Amino acid sequence: MNSLLHNYAKIKHKSRGIRIIYLAVKEDPIKIKIIAIGPRDKMKAYKRAEERL
């Protein structure tokens, strides 16, 4: 994973074959900012996330 994404977290949904890259925004209530949703195929989701930053 690239250093641009070091503050971001990920969720893997193995049966669906997707990865979600997100950032938890510290507000009240906590909000989740989804950066990218993509296939778990190699690094595609991470590449999509980097393109959006």
PDB file of N, CA and C in Angstrom:
ATOM      1  N   MET A   1       0.846  -1.171   0.000  1.00  0.00           N
ATOM      2  CA  MET A   1       0.000   0.000   0.000  1.00  0.00           C
ATOM      3  C   MET A   1       0.890   1.232   0.000  1.00  0.00           C
ATOM      4  N   ASN A   2       0.526   2.202  -0.778  1.00  0.00           N
ATOM      5  CA  ASN A   2       1.284   3.431  -0.920  1.00  0.00           C
ATOM      6  C   ASN A   2       1.198   4.272   0.351  1.00  0.00           C
ATOM      7  N   SER A   3       2.217   5.111   0.571  1.00  0.00           N
ATOM      8  CA  SER A   3       2.246   5.964   1.759  1.00  0.00           C
ATOM      9  C   SER A   3       1.121   7.000   1.766  1.00  0.00           C
ATOM     10  N   LEU A   4       0.509   7.290   0.602  1.00  0.00           N
ATOM     11  CA  LEU A   4      -0.633   8.202   0.572  1.00  0.00           C
ATOM     12  C   LEU A   4      -1.808   7.654   1.366  1.00  0.00           C
ATOM     13  N   LEU A   5      -1.874   6.349   1.515  1.00  0.00           N
ATOM     14  CA  LEU A   5      -3.012   5.704   2.156  1.00  0.00           C
ATOM     15  C   LEU A   5      -2.713   5.212   3.565  1.00  0.00           C
ATOM     16  N   HIS A   6      -1.620   5.650   4.169  1.00  0.00           N
ATOM     17  CA  HIS A   6      -1.230   5.100   5.467  1.00  0.00           C
ATOM     18  C   HIS A   6      -2.220   5.416   6.591  1.00  0.00           C
ATOM     19  N   ASN A   7      -3.016   6.466   6.494  1.00  0.00           N
ATOM     20  CA  ASN A   7      -4.009   6.795   7.517  1.00  0.00           C
ATOM     21  C   ASN A   7      -5.371   6.155   7.265  1.00  0.00           C
ATOM     22  N   TYR A   8      -5.504   5.477   6.162  1.00  0.00           N
ATOM     23  CA  TYR A   8      -6.777   4.892   5.784  1.00  0.00           C
ATOM     24  C   TYR A   8      -6.867   3.436   6.225  1.00  0.00           C
ATOM     25  N   ALA A   9      -8.076   2.977   6.456  1.00  0.00           N
ATOM     26  CA  ALA A   9      -8.306   1.590   6.862  1.00  0.00           C
ATOM     27  C   ALA A   9      -8.955   0.837   5.713  1.00  0.00           C
ATOM     28  N   LYS A  10      -9.065  -0.476   5.878  1.00  0.00           N
ATOM     29  CA  LYS A  10      -9.666  -1.284   4.822  1.00  0.00           C
ATOM     30  C   LYS A  10     -10.571  -2.340   5.440  1.00  0.00           C
ATOM     31  N   ILE A  11     -11.559  -2.707   4.673  1.00  0.00           N
ATOM     32  CA  ILE A  11     -12.444  -3.812   5.009  1.00  0.00           C
ATOM     33  C   ILE A  11     -12.412  -4.750   3.816  1.00  0.00           C
ATOM     34  N   LYS A  12     -12.248  -6.035   4.087  1.00  0.00           N
ATOM     35  CA  LYS A  12     -12.249  -7.034   3.015  1.00  0.00           C
ATOM     36  C   LYS A  12     -13.497  -7.892   3.169  1.00  0.00           C
ATOM     37  N   HIS A  13     -14.235  -8.022   2.083  1.00  0.00           N
ATOM     38  CA  HIS A  13     -15.392  -8.909   2.070  1.00  0.00           C
ATOM     39  C   HIS A  13     -15.021 -10.065   1.149  1.00  0.00           C
ATOM     40  N   LYS A  14     -14.561 -11.143   1.762  1.00  0.00           N
ATOM     41  CA  LYS A  14     -13.993 -12.253   0.988  1.00  0.00           C
ATOM     42  C   LYS A  14     -15.007 -12.940   0.080  1.00  0.00           C
ATOM     43  N   SER A  15     -16.223 -13.176   0.570  1.00  0.00           N
ATOM     44  CA  SER A  15     -17.190 -13.900  -0.262  1.00  0.00           C
ATOM     45  C   SER A  15     -17.646 -13.069  -1.459  1.00  0.00           C
ATOM     46  N   ARG A  16     -17.662 -11.757  -1.329  1.00  0.00           N
ATOM     47  CA  ARG A  16     -18.022 -10.882  -2.459  1.00  0.00           C
ATOM     48  C   ARG A  16     -16.810 -10.497  -3.295  1.00  0.00           C
ATOM     49  N   GLY A  17     -15.644 -10.686  -2.730  1.00  0.00           N
ATOM     50  CA  GLY A  17     -14.419 -10.372  -3.462  1.00  0.00           C
ATOM     51  C   GLY A  17     -14.149  -8.892  -3.616  1.00  0.00           C
ATOM     52  N   ILE A  18     -14.533  -8.085  -2.607  1.00  0.00           N
ATOM     53  CA  ILE A  18     -14.301  -6.642  -2.699  1.00  0.00           C
ATOM     54  C   ILE A  18     -13.488  -6.148  -1.506  1.00  0.00           C
ATOM     55  N   ARG A  19     -12.915  -4.981  -1.685  1.00  0.00           N
ATOM     56  CA  ARG A  19     -12.157  -4.300  -0.635  1.00  0.00           C
ATOM     57  C   ARG A  19     -12.683  -2.866  -0.575  1.00  0.00           C
ATOM     58  N   ILE A  20     -12.851  -2.352   0.629  1.00  0.00           N
ATOM     59  CA  ILE A  20     -13.316  -0.986   0.840  1.00  0.00           C
ATOM     60  C   ILE A  20     -12.215  -0.229   1.565  1.00  0.00           C
ATOM     61  N   ILE A  21     -11.790   0.876   1.000  1.00  0.00           N
ATOM     62  CA  ILE A  21     -10.777   1.737   1.608  1.00  0.00           C
ATOM     63  C   ILE A  21     -11.529   2.934   2.194  1.00  0.00           C
ATOM     64  N   TYR A  22     -11.307   3.217   3.495  1.00  0.00           N
ATOM     65  CA  TYR A  22     -12.078   4.273   4.127  1.00  0.00           C
ATOM     66  C   TYR A  22     -11.253   5.026   5.163  1.00  0.00           C
ATOM     67  N   LEU A  23     -11.796   6.166   5.586  1.00  0.00           N
ATOM     68  CA  LEU A  23     -11.196   6.994   6.631  1.00  0.00           C
ATOM     69  C   LEU A  23     -12.286   7.318   7.642  1.00  0.00           C
ATOM     70  N   ALA A  24     -12.034   7.041   8.908  1.00  0.00           N
ATOM     71  CA  ALA A  24     -12.977   7.394   9.970  1.00  0.00           C
ATOM     72  C   ALA A  24     -12.729   8.847  10.356  1.00  0.00           C
ATOM     73  N   VAL A  25     -13.753   9.687  10.212  1.00  0.00           N
ATOM     74  CA  VAL A  25     -13.648  11.108  10.531  1.00  0.00           C
ATOM     75  C   VAL A  25     -14.115  11.300  11.969  1.00  0.00           C
ATOM     76  N   LYS A  26     -13.260  11.883  12.783  1.00  0.00           N
ATOM     77  CA  LYS A  26     -13.564  12.027  14.213  1.00  0.00           C
ATOM     78  C   LYS A  26     -14.501  13.215  14.436  1.00  0.00           C
ATOM     79  N   GLU A  27     -15.755  12.909  14.381  1.00  0.00           N
ATOM     80  CA  GLU A  27     -16.809  13.872  14.680  1.00  0.00           C
ATOM     81  C   GLU A  27     -17.760  13.180  15.640  1.00  0.00           C
ATOM     82  N   ASP A  28     -18.790  13.865  16.038  1.00  0.00           N
ATOM     83  CA  ASP A  28     -19.786  13.239  16.905  1.00  0.00           C
ATOM     84  C   ASP A  28     -21.121  13.267  16.190  1.00  0.00           C
ATOM     85  N   PRO A  29     -21.610  12.204  15.693  1.00  0.00           N
ATOM     86  CA  PRO A  29     -21.087  10.839  15.717  1.00  0.00           C
ATOM     87  C   PRO A  29     -19.962  10.653  14.700  1.00  0.00           C
ATOM     88  N   ILE A  30     -19.193   9.588  14.862  1.00  0.00           N
ATOM     89  CA  ILE A  30     -18.100   9.288  13.940  1.00  0.00           C
ATOM     90  C   ILE A  30     -18.670   8.999  12.562  1.00  0.00           C
ATOM     91  N   LYS A  31     -18.051   9.571  11.553  1.00  0.00           N
ATOM     92  CA  LYS A  31     -18.478   9.356  10.171  1.00  0.00           C
ATOM     93  C   LYS A  31     -17.401   8.584   9.433  1.00  0.00           C
ATOM     94  N   ILE A  32     -17.815   7.835   8.439  1.00  0.00           N
ATOM     95  CA  ILE A  32     -16.890   7.068   7.614  1.00  0.00           C
ATOM     96  C   ILE A  32     -16.874   7.688   6.220  1.00  0.00           C
ATOM     97  N   LYS A  33     -15.698   8.047   5.755  1.00  0.00           N
ATOM     98  CA  LYS A  33     -15.534   8.593   4.411  1.00  0.00           C
ATOM     99  C   LYS A  33     -14.964   7.483   3.531  1.00  0.00           C
ATOM    100  N   ILE A  34     -15.800   6.960   2.643  1.00  0.00           N
ATOM    101  CA  ILE A  34     -15.361   5.875   1.766  1.00  0.00           C
ATOM    102  C   ILE A  34     -14.595   6.472   0.594  1.00  0.00           C
ATOM    103  N   ILE A  35     -13.377   6.004   0.406  1.00  0.00           N
ATOM    104  CA  ILE A  35     -12.515   6.511  -0.652  1.00  0.00           C
ATOM    105  C   ILE A  35     -12.649   5.664  -1.914  1.00  0.00           C
ATOM    106  N   ALA A  36     -12.695   4.350  -1.751  1.00  0.00           N
ATOM    107  CA  ALA A  36     -12.790   3.469  -2.920  1.00  0.00           C
ATOM    108  C   ALA A  36     -13.378   2.127  -2.527  1.00  0.00           C
ATOM    109  N   ILE A  37     -14.107   1.555  -3.460  1.00  0.00           N
ATOM    110  CA  ILE A  37     -14.600   0.182  -3.350  1.00  0.00           C
ATOM    111  C   ILE A  37     -14.170  -0.505  -4.633  1.00  0.00           C
ATOM    112  N   GLY A  38     -13.470  -1.601  -4.490  1.00  0.00           N
ATOM    113  CA  GLY A  38     -12.982  -2.270  -5.693  1.00  0.00           C
ATOM    114  C   GLY A  38     -12.728  -3.737  -5.458  1.00  0.00           C
ATOM    115  N   PRO A  39     -12.405  -4.430  -6.525  1.00  0.00           N
ATOM    116  CA  PRO A  39     -12.148  -5.862  -6.414  1.00  0.00           C
ATOM    117  C   PRO A  39     -10.892  -6.142  -5.602  1.00  0.00           C
ATOM    118  N   ARG A  40     -10.881  -7.304  -4.961  1.00  0.00           N
ATOM    119  CA  ARG A  40      -9.710  -7.717  -4.199  1.00  0.00           C
ATOM    120  C   ARG A  40      -8.658  -8.321  -5.121  1.00  0.00           C
ATOM    121  N   ASP A  41      -8.678  -7.968  -6.354  1.00  0.00           N
ATOM    122  CA  ASP A  41      -7.752  -8.463  -7.362  1.00  0.00           C
ATOM    123  C   ASP A  41      -6.483  -7.623  -7.332  1.00  0.00           C
ATOM    124  N   LYS A  42      -5.447  -8.190  -6.749  1.00  0.00           N
ATOM    125  CA  LYS A  42      -4.147  -7.522  -6.624  1.00  0.00           C
ATOM    126  C   LYS A  42      -4.313  -6.212  -5.878  1.00  0.00           C
ATOM    127  N   MET A  43      -3.967  -5.098  -6.468  1.00  0.00           N
ATOM    128  CA  MET A  43      -3.989  -3.801  -5.781  1.00  0.00           C
ATOM    129  C   MET A  43      -4.981  -2.827  -6.423  1.00  0.00           C
ATOM    130  N   LYS A  44      -5.997  -3.319  -7.122  1.00  0.00           N
ATOM    131  CA  LYS A  44      -6.909  -2.445  -7.859  1.00  0.00           C
ATOM    132  C   LYS A  44      -7.635  -1.442  -6.964  1.00  0.00           C
ATOM    133  N   ALA A  45      -8.130  -1.883  -5.814  1.00  0.00           N
ATOM    134  CA  ALA A  45      -8.848  -0.960  -4.928  1.00  0.00           C
ATOM    135  C   ALA A  45      -7.911   0.133  -4.421  1.00  0.00           C
ATOM    136  N   TYR A  46      -6.672  -0.229  -4.098  1.00  0.00           N
ATOM    137  CA  TYR A  46      -5.708   0.768  -3.632  1.00  0.00           C
ATOM    138  C   TYR A  46      -5.361   1.763  -4.738  1.00  0.00           C
ATOM    139  N   LYS A  47      -5.229   1.295  -5.961  1.00  0.00           N
ATOM    140  CA  LYS A  47      -4.943   2.189  -7.080  1.00  0.00           C
ATOM    141  C   LYS A  47      -6.085   3.165  -7.295  1.00  0.00           C
ATOM    142  N   ARG A  48      -7.326   2.681  -7.190  1.00  0.00           N
ATOM    143  CA  ARG A  48      -8.482   3.571  -7.319  1.00  0.00           C
ATOM    144  C   ARG A  48      -8.496   4.619  -6.208  1.00  0.00           C
ATOM    145  N   ALA A  49      -8.167   4.202  -5.003  1.00  0.00           N
ATOM    146  CA  ALA A  49      -8.132   5.131  -3.874  1.00  0.00           C
ATOM    147  C   ALA A  49      -7.077   6.216  -4.085  1.00  0.00           C
ATOM    148  N   GLU A  50      -5.902   5.834  -4.546  1.00  0.00           N
ATOM    149  CA  GLU A  50      -4.830   6.809  -4.801  1.00  0.00           C
ATOM    150  C   GLU A  50      -5.238   7.812  -5.877  1.00  0.00           C
ATOM    151  N   GLU A  51      -5.960   7.357  -6.886  1.00  0.00           N
ATOM    152  CA  GLU A  51      -6.403   8.249  -7.951  1.00  0.00           C
ATOM    153  C   GLU A  51      -7.376   9.301  -7.427  1.00  0.00           C
ATOM    154  N   ARG A  52      -8.112   8.976  -6.387  1.00  0.00           N
ATOM    155  CA  ARG A  52      -9.124   9.903  -5.858  1.00  0.00           C
ATOM    156  C   ARG A  52      -8.556  10.892  -4.854  1.00  0.00           C
ATOM    157  N   LEU A  53      -7.348  10.662  -4.389  1.00  0.00           N
ATOM    158  CA  LEU A  53      -6.753  11.584  -3.411  1.00  0.00           C
ATOM    159  C   LEU A  53      -6.030  12.724  -4.090  1.00  0.00           C
TER     160      LEU A  53
END
